[in-house]
C-alpha atoms as a PDB file:
ATOM      1  CA  GLY A   1    -212.239 -55.043   9.030  1.00  0.00           C
ATOM      2  CA  ALA A   2    -208.800 -53.401   9.514  1.00  0.00           C
ATOM      3  CA  PHE A   3    -210.230 -50.408  11.396  1.00  0.00           C
ATOM      4  CA  GLU A   4    -213.646 -51.879  12.445  1.00  0.00           C
ATOM      5  CA  LEU A   5    -214.921 -50.365  15.782  1.00  0.00           C
ATOM      6  CA  CYS A   6    -212.039 -47.813  15.951  1.00  0.00           C
ATOM      7  CA  ARG A   7    -214.555 -45.367  17.585  1.00  0.00           C
ATOM      8  CA  GLU A   8    -212.020 -42.455  17.995  1.00  0.00           C
ATOM      9  CA  LEU A   9    -210.902 -42.450  14.468  1.00  0.00           C
ATOM     10  CA  ARG A  10    -211.872 -39.127  12.839  1.00  0.00           C
ATOM     11  CA  SER A  11    -209.890 -38.673   9.559  1.00  0.00           C
ATOM     12  CA  VAL A  12    -208.323 -41.037   7.047  1.00  0.00           C
ATOM     13  CA  LYS A  13    -206.223 -40.453   3.887  1.00  0.00           C
ATOM     14  CA  LEU A  14    -205.992 -43.615   1.758  1.00  0.00           C
ATOM     15  CA  PRO A  15    -203.054 -44.472  -0.570  1.00  0.00           C
ATOM     16  CA  LYS A  16    -203.344 -43.114  -4.113  1.00  0.00           C
ATOM     17  CA  ASN A  17    -202.812 -46.620  -5.561  1.00  0.00           C
ATOM     18  CA  LEU A  18    -205.609 -48.341  -3.593  1.00  0.00           C
ATOM     19  CA  LYS A  19    -208.112 -50.213  -5.728  1.00  0.00           C
ATOM     20  CA  THR A  20    -210.414 -51.884  -3.240  1.00  0.00           C
ATOM     21  CA  ILE A  21    -211.802 -51.241   0.253  1.00  0.00           C
ATOM     22  CA  GLU A  22    -212.559 -54.639   1.892  1.00  0.00           C
ATOM     23  CA  ALA A  23    -215.658 -55.547   3.846  1.00  0.00           C
ATOM     24  CA  LYS A  24    -216.130 -53.815   7.134  1.00  0.00           C
ATOM     25  CA  THR A  25    -212.759 -51.961   6.844  1.00  0.00           C
ATOM     26  CA  PHE A  26    -214.171 -48.928   8.664  1.00  0.00           C
ATOM     27  CA  SER A  27    -217.455 -50.384   9.955  1.00  0.00           C
ATOM     28  CA  ASP A  28    -218.875 -48.594  13.046  1.00  0.00           C
ATOM     29  CA  CYS A  29    -216.042 -45.955  13.221  1.00  0.00           C
ATOM     30  CA  GLU A  30    -218.564 -43.682  14.714  1.00  0.00           C
ATOM     31  CA  GLU A  31    -216.450 -40.628  14.768  1.00  0.00           C
ATOM     32  CA  LEU A  32    -214.994 -40.882  11.195  1.00  0.00           C
ATOM     33  CA  THR A  33    -216.241 -37.843   9.331  1.00  0.00           C
ATOM     34  CA  ASP A  34    -213.443 -37.256   6.717  1.00  0.00           C
ATOM     35  CA  ILE A  35    -211.899 -39.651   4.269  1.00  0.00           C
ATOM     36  CA  GLU A  36    -210.003 -38.987   1.068  1.00  0.00           C
ATOM     37  CA  ILE A  37    -210.854 -41.760  -1.409  1.00  0.00           C
ATOM     38  CA  PRO A  38    -208.253 -42.195  -4.174  1.00  0.00           C
ATOM     39  CA  SER A  39    -209.441 -41.506  -7.763  1.00  0.00           C
ATOM     40  CA  GLY A  40    -208.429 -45.107  -8.937  1.00  0.00           C
ATOM     41  CA  LEU A  41    -210.606 -46.947  -6.464  1.00  0.00           C
ATOM     42  CA  THR A  42    -212.858 -49.529  -8.190  1.00  0.00           C
ATOM     43  CA  LYS A  43    -214.622 -51.548  -5.464  1.00  0.00           C
ATOM     44  CA  ILE A  44    -216.188 -50.885  -2.128  1.00  0.00           C
ATOM     45  CA  TYR A  45    -217.131 -54.062  -0.334  1.00  0.00           C
ATOM     46  CA  ALA A  46    -219.962 -54.977   2.157  1.00  0.00           C
ATOM     47  CA  GLN A  47    -220.326 -52.725   5.188  1.00  0.00           C
ATOM     48  CA  ALA A  48    -217.038 -50.947   4.432  1.00  0.00           C
ATOM     49  CA  PHE A  49    -218.346 -47.653   5.929  1.00  0.00           C
ATOM     50  CA  SER A  50    -221.364 -48.881   7.793  1.00  0.00           C
ATOM     51  CA  GLY A  51    -222.239 -46.735  10.778  1.00  0.00           C
ATOM     52  CA  CYS A  52    -219.668 -43.995  10.056  1.00  0.00           C
ATOM     53  CA  SER A  53    -220.341 -40.274  10.322  1.00  0.00           C
ATOM     54  CA  LEU A  54    -218.891 -39.434   6.828  1.00  0.00           C
ATOM     55  CA  ILE A  55    -219.715 -35.865   5.559  1.00  0.00           C
ATOM     56  CA  ASN A  56    -220.216 -35.714   1.806  1.00  0.00           C
ATOM     57  CA  PRO A  57    -217.746 -38.376   0.807  1.00  0.00           C
ATOM     58  CA  SER A  58    -216.708 -38.311  -2.814  1.00  0.00           C
ATOM     59  CA  LEU A  59    -217.218 -41.379  -4.928  1.00  0.00           C
ATOM     60  CA  PRO A  60    -214.603 -41.589  -7.761  1.00  0.00           C
ATOM     61  CA  LYS A  61    -215.778 -42.139 -11.294  1.00  0.00           C
ATOM     62  CA  ALA A  62    -213.675 -45.393 -11.410  1.00  0.00           C
ATOM     63  CA  VAL A  63    -215.868 -47.172  -8.813  1.00  0.00           C
ATOM     64  CA  GLU A  64    -217.555 -50.215 -10.404  1.00  0.00           C
ATOM     65  CA  PHE A  65    -218.875 -52.115  -7.430  1.00  0.00           C
ATOM     66  CA  ILE A  66    -220.561 -50.996  -4.149  1.00  0.00           C
ATOM     67  CA  GLY A  67    -221.270 -53.813  -1.706  1.00  0.00           C
ATOM     68  CA  GLU A  68    -224.168 -54.716   0.436  1.00  0.00           C
ATOM     69  CA  ARG A  69    -224.800 -52.124   3.234  1.00  0.00           C
ATOM     70  CA  ALA A  70    -221.543 -50.376   2.263  1.00  0.00           C
ATOM     71  CA  PHE A  71    -222.772 -46.972   3.537  1.00  0.00           C
ATOM     72  CA  GLU A  72    -225.609 -48.089   5.720  1.00  0.00           C
ATOM     73  CA  LYS A  73    -226.533 -45.639   8.459  1.00  0.00           C
ATOM     74  CA  CYS A  74    -224.155 -42.989   7.260  1.00  0.00           C
ATOM     75  CA  ARG A  75    -226.655 -40.394   8.207  1.00  0.00           C
ATOM     76  CA  SER A  76    -224.559 -37.340   7.445  1.00  0.00           C
ATOM     77  CA  ALA A  77    -223.246 -38.591   4.005  1.00  0.00           C
ATOM     78  CA  PHE A  78    -224.472 -37.664   0.561  1.00  0.00           C
ATOM     79  CA  LYS A  79    -226.652 -34.544   1.220  1.00  0.00           C
ATOM     80  CA  GLY A  80    -229.137 -33.697  -1.501  1.00  0.00           C
ATOM     81  CA  LYS A  81    -228.384 -35.227  -4.932  1.00  0.00           C
ATOM     82  CA  LEU A  82    -226.457 -38.437  -5.067  1.00  0.00           C
ATOM     83  CA  THR A  83    -224.845 -39.020  -8.487  1.00  0.00           C
ATOM     84  CA  LEU A  84    -223.546 -42.478  -8.822  1.00  0.00           C
ATOM     85  CA  PRO A  85    -220.037 -43.076 -10.435  1.00  0.00           C
ATOM     86  CA  GLU A  86    -220.083 -43.220 -14.248  1.00  0.00           C
ATOM     87  CA  ASN A  87    -218.422 -46.591 -14.368  1.00  0.00           C
ATOM     88  CA  LEU A  88    -220.582 -48.168 -11.639  1.00  0.00           C
ATOM     89  CA  LYS A  89    -222.027 -51.546 -12.709  1.00  0.00           C
ATOM     90  CA  THR A  90    -223.370 -53.075  -9.385  1.00  0.00           C
ATOM     91  CA  VAL A  91    -224.836 -51.774  -6.209  1.00  0.00           C
ATOM     92  CA  GLU A  92    -225.824 -54.420  -3.763  1.00  0.00           C
ATOM     93  CA  SER A  93    -228.699 -54.594  -1.250  1.00  0.00           C
ATOM     94  CA  SER A  94    -229.229 -51.730   1.152  1.00  0.00           C
ATOM     95  CA  ALA A  95    -225.903 -50.026   0.126  1.00  0.00           C
ATOM     96  CA  PHE A  96    -227.249 -46.640   1.008  1.00  0.00           C
ATOM     97  CA  ALA A  97    -229.947 -47.557   3.544  1.00  0.00           C
ATOM     98  CA  GLY A  98    -230.083 -45.044   6.355  1.00  0.00           C
ATOM     99  CA  CYS A  99    -228.509 -42.232   4.372  1.00  0.00           C
ATOM    100  CA  ILE A 100    -231.328 -39.889   5.356  1.00  0.00           C
ATOM    101  CA  ASN A 101    -230.202 -36.708   3.616  1.00  0.00           C
ATOM    102  CA  ILE A 102    -230.391 -38.058   0.098  1.00  0.00           C
ATOM    103  CA  THR A 103    -233.143 -36.343  -1.929  1.00  0.00           C
ATOM    104  CA  GLU A 104    -232.341 -37.528  -5.429  1.00  0.00           C
ATOM    105  CA  ILE A 105    -230.423 -40.432  -6.881  1.00  0.00           C
ATOM    106  CA  ILE A 106    -228.969 -40.387 -10.442  1.00  0.00           C
ATOM    107  CA  ILE A 107    -228.316 -43.737 -11.957  1.00  0.00           C
ATOM    108  CA  PRO A 108    -225.532 -43.905 -14.625  1.00  0.00           C
ATOM    109  CA  GLN A 109    -225.611 -45.524 -18.014  1.00  0.00           C
ATOM    110  CA  GLY A 110    -223.671 -48.688 -17.210  1.00  0.00           C
ATOM    111  CA  LEU A 111    -225.443 -49.740 -13.942  1.00  0.00           C
ATOM    112  CA  SER A 112    -226.844 -53.147 -14.463  1.00  0.00           C
ATOM    113  CA  SER A 113    -227.504 -54.605 -10.995  1.00  0.00           C
ATOM    114  CA  LEU A 114    -229.446 -53.057  -8.091  1.00  0.00           C
ATOM    115  CA  GLY A 115    -229.507 -55.563  -5.267  1.00  0.00           C
ATOM    116  CA  LYS A 116    -229.707 -59.261  -5.653  1.00  0.00           C
ATOM    117  CA  ASN A 117    -232.250 -61.033  -7.767  1.00  0.00           C
ATOM    118  CA  ILE A 118    -234.208 -57.821  -8.034  1.00  0.00           C
ATOM    119  CA  ILE A 119    -236.191 -59.100 -11.026  1.00  0.00           C
ATOM    120  CA  LYS A 120    -236.454 -62.617  -9.873  1.00  0.00           C
ATOM    121  CA  SER A 121    -238.681 -62.182  -6.873  1.00  0.00           C
ATOM    122  CA  SER A 122    -236.239 -62.787  -4.174  1.00  0.00           C
ATOM    123  CA  TYR A 123    -238.047 -62.289  -0.901  1.00  0.00           C
ATOM    124  CA  THR A 124    -234.933 -62.194   1.277  1.00  0.00           C
ATOM    125  CA  LYS A 125    -233.278 -59.086  -0.292  1.00  0.00           C
ATOM    126  CA  ASN A 126    -234.086 -55.430  -0.983  1.00  0.00           C
ATOM    127  CA  THR A 127    -232.913 -53.226  -3.651  1.00  0.00           C
ATOM    128  CA  ALA A 128    -229.930 -51.030  -3.096  1.00  0.00           C
ATOM    129  CA  PHE A 129    -232.037 -48.016  -2.205  1.00  0.00           C
ATOM    130  CA  GLN A 130    -234.764 -49.750  -0.109  1.00  0.00           C
ATOM    131  CA  ASN A 131    -234.783 -49.606   3.556  1.00  0.00           C
ATOM    132  CA  VAL A 132    -236.297 -52.406   5.382  1.00  0.00           C
ATOM    133  CA  SER A 133    -234.416 -55.566   6.423  1.00  0.00           C
ATOM    134  CA  TYR A 134    -237.375 -57.850   6.880  1.00  0.00           C
ATOM    135  CA  ASP A 135    -235.166 -60.776   7.683  1.00  0.00           C
ATOM    136  CA  ASP A 136    -233.508 -59.354  10.791  1.00  0.00           C
ATOM    137  CA  GLY A 137    -235.522 -56.246  11.541  1.00  0.00           C
ATOM    138  CA  ARG A 138    -232.640 -53.852  11.878  1.00  0.00           C
ATOM    139  CA  TYR A 139    -234.645 -50.766  11.213  1.00  0.00           C
ATOM    140  CA  SER A 140    -237.794 -49.551   9.630  1.00  0.00           C
ATOM    141  CA  ALA A 141    -238.523 -48.246   6.128  1.00  0.00           C
ATOM    142  CA  ALA A 142    -239.054 -44.728   7.452  1.00  0.00           C
ATOM    143  CA  GLU A 143    -235.501 -44.556   8.807  1.00  0.00           C
ATOM    144  CA  SER A 144    -233.895 -45.460   5.411  1.00  0.00           C
ATOM    145  CA  LEU A 145    -234.298 -42.760   2.740  1.00  0.00           C
ATOM    146  CA  PRO A 146    -237.140 -40.650   4.242  1.00  0.00           C
ATOM    147  CA  ASN A 147    -236.284 -37.653   2.088  1.00  0.00           C
ATOM    148  CA  LEU A 148    -235.824 -39.385  -1.274  1.00  0.00           C
ATOM    149  CA  LYS A 149    -237.999 -37.508  -3.761  1.00  0.00           C
ATOM    150  CA  LYS A 150    -236.809 -38.630  -7.114  1.00  0.00           C
ATOM    151  CA  ILE A 151    -234.806 -41.198  -9.028  1.00  0.00           C
ATOM    152  CA  THR A 152    -233.254 -40.207 -12.411  1.00  0.00           C
ATOM    153  CA  VAL A 153    -231.829 -42.768 -14.872  1.00  0.00           C
ATOM    154  CA  ASN A 154    -229.500 -42.081 -17.643  1.00  0.00           C
ATOM    155  CA  PRO A 155    -231.649 -42.579 -20.862  1.00  0.00           C
ATOM    156  CA  GLN A 156    -228.841 -44.860 -22.297  1.00  0.00           C
ATOM    157  CA  ASN A 157    -229.072 -47.280 -19.371  1.00  0.00           C
ATOM    158  CA  LYS A 158    -230.201 -50.662 -20.825  1.00  0.00           C
ATOM    159  CA  TYR A 159    -231.562 -52.074 -17.576  1.00  0.00           C
ATOM    160  CA  TYR A 160    -233.553 -49.380 -15.681  1.00  0.00           C
ATOM    161  CA  THR A 161    -235.696 -46.413 -16.452  1.00  0.00           C
ATOM    162  CA  SER A 162    -237.449 -43.679 -14.452  1.00  0.00           C
ATOM    163  CA  LYS A 163    -240.958 -42.417 -15.084  1.00  0.00           C
ATOM    164  CA  SER A 164    -241.909 -39.359 -13.188  1.00  0.00           C
ATOM    165  CA  GLY A 165    -239.187 -40.014 -10.637  1.00  0.00           C
ATOM    166  CA  VAL A 166    -240.225 -43.682  -9.997  1.00  0.00           C
ATOM    167  CA  LEU A 167    -237.814 -46.407 -10.702  1.00  0.00           C
ATOM    168  CA  PHE A 168    -238.744 -49.271 -13.189  1.00  0.00           C
ATOM    169  CA  THR A 169    -236.942 -51.943 -15.101  1.00  0.00           C
ATOM    170  CA  LYS A 170    -236.117 -50.774 -18.610  1.00  0.00           C
ATOM    171  CA  ASP A 171    -239.147 -52.622 -20.250  1.00  0.00           C
ATOM    172  CA  GLY A 172    -241.499 -50.929 -17.648  1.00  0.00           C
ATOM    173  CA  LYS A 173    -242.891 -54.137 -16.491  1.00  0.00           C
ATOM    174  CA  ASN A 174    -241.516 -54.067 -12.914  1.00  0.00           C
ATOM    175  CA  LEU A 175    -242.025 -51.065 -10.594  1.00  0.00           C
ATOM    176  CA  ILE A 176    -238.993 -51.244  -8.311  1.00  0.00           C
ATOM    177  CA  LEU A 177    -239.219 -48.204  -6.143  1.00  0.00           C
ATOM    178  CA  TYR A 178    -241.513 -45.256  -5.483  1.00  0.00           C
ATOM    179  CA  PRO A 179    -239.426 -42.657  -3.568  1.00  0.00           C
ATOM    180  CA  SER A 180    -240.623 -42.268   0.003  1.00  0.00           C
ATOM    181  CA  ALA A 181    -240.812 -38.531  -0.078  1.00  0.00           C
ATOM    182  CA  LYS A 182    -242.172 -38.070  -3.714  1.00  0.00           C
ATOM    183  CA  THR A 183    -244.685 -35.328  -3.710  1.00  0.00           C
ATOM    184  CA  GLY A 184    -248.302 -35.886  -4.846  1.00  0.00           C
ATOM    185  CA  LYS A 185    -251.218 -37.545  -2.918  1.00  0.00           C
ATOM    186  CA  SER A 186    -252.329 -39.696  -5.866  1.00  0.00           C
ATOM    187  CA  TYR A 187    -250.495 -42.001  -8.195  1.00  0.00           C
ATOM    188  CA  THR A 188    -251.723 -44.306 -10.898  1.00  0.00           C
ATOM    189  CA  VAL A 189    -249.475 -47.255 -11.848  1.00  0.00           C
ATOM    190  CA  PRO A 190    -248.668 -46.849 -15.509  1.00  0.00           C
ATOM    191  CA  LYS A 191    -250.022 -49.244 -18.078  1.00  0.00           C
ATOM    192  CA  GLY A 192    -247.549 -51.985 -19.030  1.00  0.00           C
ATOM    193  CA  THR A 193    -246.554 -52.495 -15.399  1.00  0.00           C
ATOM    194  CA  VAL A 194    -246.887 -56.124 -14.561  1.00  0.00           C
ATOM    195  CA  THR A 195    -245.315 -56.477 -11.091  1.00  0.00           C
ATOM    196  CA  LEU A 196    -245.030 -54.374  -8.030  1.00  0.00           C
ATOM    197  CA  THR A 197    -241.786 -55.710  -6.690  1.00  0.00           C
ATOM    198  CA  ARG A 198    -240.899 -56.231  -3.015  1.00  0.00           C
ATOM    199  CA  GLY A 199    -240.981 -53.047  -0.933  1.00  0.00           C
ATOM    200  CA  ALA A 200    -241.900 -50.889  -4.016  1.00  0.00           C
ATOM    201  CA  PHE A 201    -244.039 -48.389  -1.969  1.00  0.00           C
ATOM    202  CA  CYS A 202    -242.369 -48.900   1.366  1.00  0.00           C
ATOM    203  CA  GLY A 203    -242.185 -45.658   3.394  1.00  0.00           C
ATOM    204  CA  ALA A 204    -244.213 -43.643   0.865  1.00  0.00           C
ATOM    205  CA  LYS A 205    -245.241 -40.960   3.377  1.00  0.00           C
ATOM    206  CA  CYS A 206    -246.951 -38.518   1.041  1.00  0.00           C
ATOM    207  CA  LEU A 207    -249.053 -40.821  -1.137  1.00  0.00           C
ATOM    208  CA  LYS A 208    -252.706 -41.278  -0.037  1.00  0.00           C
ATOM    209  CA  THR A 209    -254.357 -42.912  -3.091  1.00  0.00           C
ATOM    210  CA  LEU A 210    -252.941 -45.512  -5.315  1.00  0.00           C
ATOM    211  CA  ARG A 211    -254.615 -46.922  -8.448  1.00  0.00           C
ATOM    212  CA  LEU A 212    -253.322 -49.916 -10.270  1.00  0.00           C
ATOM    213  CA  SER A 213    -253.466 -50.164 -14.116  1.00  0.00           C
ATOM    214  CA  ASN A 214    -255.227 -53.136 -15.738  1.00  0.00           C
ATOM    215  CA  THR A 215    -251.913 -54.662 -16.617  1.00  0.00           C
ATOM    216  CA  VAL A 216    -250.670 -55.385 -13.086  1.00  0.00           C
ATOM    217  CA  LYS A 217    -250.590 -59.030 -12.358  1.00  0.00           C
ATOM    218  CA  THR A 218    -248.383 -59.634  -9.336  1.00  0.00           C
ATOM    219  CA  ILE A 219    -248.008 -57.905  -6.046  1.00  0.00           C
ATOM    220  CA  GLU A 220    -244.975 -59.086  -4.119  1.00  0.00           C
ATOM    221  CA  PRO A 221    -244.454 -59.179  -0.318  1.00  0.00           C
ATOM    222  CA  ASN A 222    -244.137 -55.997   1.847  1.00  0.00           C
ATOM    223  CA  VAL A 223    -244.964 -53.633  -1.085  1.00  0.00           C
ATOM    224  CA  PHE A 224    -246.990 -51.389   1.281  1.00  0.00           C
ATOM    225  CA  GLY A 225    -245.048 -51.553   4.434  1.00  0.00           C
ATOM    226  CA  TYR A 226    -244.524 -48.512   6.525  1.00  0.00           C
ATOM    227  CA  CYS A 227    -246.454 -46.237   4.194  1.00  0.00           C
ATOM    228  CA  GLY A 228    -249.274 -43.757   4.672  1.00  0.00           C
ATOM    229  CA  ILE A 229    -251.572 -44.845   1.735  1.00  0.00           C
ATOM    230  CA  GLU A 230    -255.290 -44.630   2.711  1.00  0.00           C
ATOM    231  CA  LYS A 231    -256.888 -46.062  -0.550  1.00  0.00           C
ATOM    232  CA  ILE A 232    -255.686 -48.760  -2.923  1.00  0.00           C
ATOM    233  CA  PHE A 233    -257.609 -49.629  -5.963  1.00  0.00           C
ATOM    234  CA  LEU A 234    -256.811 -53.059  -7.315  1.00  0.00           C
ATOM    235  CA  THR A 235    -257.980 -54.340 -10.771  1.00  0.00           C
ATOM    236  CA  SER A 236    -259.232 -57.653 -11.968  1.00  0.00           C
ATOM    237  CA  SER A 237    -255.913 -58.150 -13.792  1.00  0.00           C
ATOM    238  CA  VAL A 238    -254.197 -58.989 -10.465  1.00  0.00           C
ATOM    239  CA  LYS A 239    -253.543 -62.730 -10.430  1.00  0.00           C
ATOM    240  CA  SER A 240    -251.049 -63.169  -7.708  1.00  0.00           C
ATOM    241  CA  ILE A 241    -250.611 -61.500  -4.313  1.00  0.00           C
ATOM    242  CA  LYS A 242    -247.754 -62.654  -2.186  1.00  0.00           C
ATOM    243  CA  LYS A 243    -247.869 -62.871   1.619  1.00  0.00           C
ATOM    244  CA  ASP A 244    -247.468 -59.927   3.976  1.00  0.00           C
ATOM    245  CA  VAL A 245    -248.208 -57.165   1.419  1.00  0.00           C
ATOM    246  CA  PHE A 246    -249.199 -54.903   4.199  1.00  0.00           C
ATOM    247  CA  SER A 247    -246.415 -55.811   6.602  1.00  0.00           C
ATOM    248  CA  ALA A 248    -245.853 -53.153   9.352  1.00  0.00           C
ATOM    249  CA  TYR A 249    -248.756 -50.949   8.088  1.00  0.00           C
ATOM    250  CA  PRO A 250    -249.370 -48.205   8.949  1.00  0.00           C
ATOM    251  CA  THR A 251    -246.684 -45.669  10.262  1.00  0.00           C
ATOM    252  CA  ASN A 252    -248.914 -43.191  12.068  1.00  0.00           C
ATOM    253  CA  GLY A 253    -252.190 -44.672  12.747  1.00  0.00           C
ATOM    254  CA  GLU A 254    -253.572 -44.333   9.212  1.00  0.00           C
ATOM    255  CA  LYS A 255    -256.612 -46.313   8.118  1.00  0.00           C
ATOM    256  CA  LEU A 256    -256.221 -48.150   4.787  1.00  0.00           C
ATOM    257  CA  THR A 257    -259.171 -49.316   2.519  1.00  0.00           C
ATOM    258  CA  VAL A 258    -258.376 -51.819  -0.293  1.00  0.00           C
ATOM    259  CA  PHE A 259    -260.922 -51.630  -3.101  1.00  0.00           C
ATOM    260  CA  VAL A 260    -261.204 -55.079  -4.868  1.00  0.00           C
ATOM    261  CA  PRO A 261    -263.196 -55.991  -7.883  1.00  0.00           C
ATOM    262  CA  LEU A 262    -266.088 -58.341  -7.318  1.00  0.00           C
ATOM    263  CA  LYS A 263    -265.373 -62.019  -7.978  1.00  0.00           C
ATOM    264  CA  SER A 264    -261.797 -61.232  -8.977  1.00  0.00           C
ATOM    265  CA  THR A 265    -258.797 -63.302  -8.158  1.00  0.00           C
ATOM    266  CA  ALA A 266    -257.697 -60.576  -5.686  1.00  0.00           C
ATOM    267  CA  ASP A 267    -261.176 -60.834  -4.020  1.00  0.00           C
ATOM    268  CA  LYS A 268    -260.548 -64.501  -3.408  1.00  0.00           C
ATOM    269  CA  SER A 269    -256.888 -64.222  -2.541  1.00  0.00           C
ATOM    270  CA  LYS A 270    -256.014 -66.115   0.643  1.00  0.00           C
ATOM    271  CA  ASN A 271    -252.870 -64.102   1.173  1.00  0.00           C
ATOM    272  CA  LEU A 272    -254.597 -60.816   0.844  1.00  0.00           C
ATOM    273  CA  ASN A 273    -257.531 -61.666   3.006  1.00  0.00           C
ATOM    274  CA  SER A 274    -255.431 -63.141   5.768  1.00  0.00           C
ATOM    275  CA  CYS A 275    -253.083 -60.089   5.624  1.00  0.00           C
ATOM    276  CA  ILE A 276    -256.161 -57.847   5.904  1.00  0.00           C
ATOM    277  CA  ALA A 277    -257.504 -59.972   8.827  1.00  0.00           C
ATOM    278  CA  ALA A 278    -254.140 -59.844  10.650  1.00  0.00           C
ATOM    279  CA  ASN A 279    -254.285 -56.042  10.340  1.00  0.00           C
ATOM    280  CA  SER A 280    -258.001 -55.537  10.788  1.00  0.00           C
ATOM    281  CA  ASP A 281    -257.483 -52.555  13.144  1.00  0.00           C
ATOM    282  CA  CYS A 282    -256.146 -50.468  10.310  1.00  0.00           C
ATOM    283  CA  VAL A 283    -256.772 -52.237   7.014  1.00  0.00           C
ATOM    284  CA  SER A 284    -260.138 -53.018   5.522  1.00  0.00           C
ATOM    285  CA  LYS A 285    -261.504 -54.338   2.235  1.00  0.00           C
ATOM    286  CA  LYS A 286    -264.314 -53.046   0.033  1.00  0.00           C
ATOM    287  CA  ILE A 287    -265.848 -54.797  -2.878  1.00  0.00           C
ATOM    288  CA  ILE A 288    -266.424 -52.728  -6.015  1.00  0.00           C
ATOM    289  CA  GLY A 289    -268.330 -53.330  -9.273  1.00  0.00           C
ATOM    290  CA  LYS A 290    -271.485 -54.431  -7.645  1.00  0.00           C
ATOM    291  CA  THR A 291    -274.574 -53.908  -9.944  1.00  0.00           C
ATOM    292  CA  PRO A 292    -276.830 -51.222  -8.456  1.00  0.00           C
ATOM    293  CA  LYS A 293    -280.418 -52.167  -7.601  1.00  0.00           C
ATOM    294  CA  LYS A 294    -281.808 -49.500  -9.685  1.00  0.00           C
ATOM    295  CA  VAL A 295    -280.241 -48.508 -13.056  1.00  0.00           C
ATOM    296  CA  LYS A 296    -280.800 -44.956 -14.156  1.00  0.00           C
ATOM    297  CA  THR A 297    -280.804 -44.151 -18.009  1.00  0.00           C
ATOM    298  CA  TYR A 298    -279.088 -40.936 -18.847  1.00  0.00           C
ATOM    299  CA  LYS A 299    -280.102 -39.197 -22.130  1.00  0.00           C
ATOM    300  CA  PRO A 300    -278.383 -36.100 -23.424  1.00  0.00           C
ATOM    301  CA  SER A 301    -280.509 -33.120 -24.074  1.00  0.00           C
ATOM    302  CA  VAL A 302    -281.153 -31.949 -27.620  1.00  0.00           C
ATOM    303  CA  LYS A 303    -278.673 -29.059 -27.280  1.00  0.00           C
ATOM    304  CA  LYS A 304    -276.012 -31.309 -26.064  1.00  0.00           C
ATOM    305  CA  ASN A 305    -274.253 -34.400 -27.696  1.00  0.00           C
ATOM    306  CA  SER A 306    -272.572 -35.772 -24.679  1.00  0.00           C
ATOM    307  CA  VAL A 307    -273.001 -36.312 -20.940  1.00  0.00           C
ATOM    308  CA  LYS A 308    -270.304 -36.309 -18.211  1.00  0.00           C
ATOM    309  CA  LEU A 309    -270.710 -38.705 -15.240  1.00  0.00           C
ATOM    310  CA  LYS A 310    -268.674 -38.188 -12.169  1.00  0.00           C
ATOM    311  CA  TRP A 311    -268.039 -41.130  -9.668  1.00  0.00           C
ATOM    312  CA  ALA A 312    -266.883 -40.841  -6.175  1.00  0.00           C
ATOM    313  CA  ASP A 313    -263.833 -42.815  -5.145  1.00  0.00           C
ATOM    314  CA  ASP A 314    -265.965 -44.847  -2.646  1.00  0.00           C
ATOM    315  CA  ASP A 315    -268.225 -45.962  -5.387  1.00  0.00           C
ATOM    316  CA  TYR A 316    -265.698 -46.579  -8.204  1.00  0.00           C
ATOM    317  CA  ALA A 317    -267.179 -46.961 -11.604  1.00  0.00           C
ATOM    318  CA  ALA A 318    -265.844 -50.402 -12.543  1.00  0.00           C
ATOM    319  CA  GLY A 319    -268.717 -52.768 -13.296  1.00  0.00           C
ATOM    320  CA  TYR A 320    -271.436 -50.076 -13.849  1.00  0.00           C
ATOM    321  CA  LYS A 321    -273.374 -49.755 -17.106  1.00  0.00           C
ATOM    322  CA  VAL A 322    -274.755 -46.643 -18.510  1.00  0.00           C
END
């Protein structure tokens, strides 16, 4: 990088005809707060501004590519809503990791790639907005985008969509990222979701109860790392659970109970059971769907034509017959 480690550099005005900023150009310029980026810039390569102190830098509409860790640990940058450039097509892994003041991210119509192999279950890379580097342990999920509440996607985008602020692939089959500061203590994964991708619920600090729909089949590694979830209800549809789904759980001493259907694939999963055993001080498993010893028959009275039964979370209605 041309100016890498220039720790006393505070302000930069780039040439108007500049088209690319190469990798690590301003990496670890800790005092750099002000930079004027030309409107014609198209590419920002890996770690170009990593570790800088930029204050609300402007990303030109012409930018098409933002490289891996390009703005990593720029803690003062992008306050509030981050609207990605209109022409942006690719954002690589951890590009905004550590930009702690971002509360909302708006994804443009043309964006087609978030991180590497995001749909192909790559266990060595995170998406552009996720926070944990599991391969080298640079920093935890809670330090990445702790104030992100919402992700919005342009309806015309062909690759991604947002449902209630949660990021999915366009077909709704892959849940990519649940914002770490999204409000609400309970969340049910929508029907049609097949895979919880790597790190999907990492750092979810407000969420306490998570229910999977009966279409979820795969749970990838580190899905629940660094989060504050207390109850997770799995379904019999889950057929594949990867290793280390509860890596680095919990964040503040929370206790997690995983509710698993009796005789299901999840109940027999070696990866799940070994992960629970490794975190037995804070994670436990409870089997659901056991047939009760005594079955009560409920009959509606003459004046009513229906009866409403209420089940406690700890019991869970799956497997009961009335």
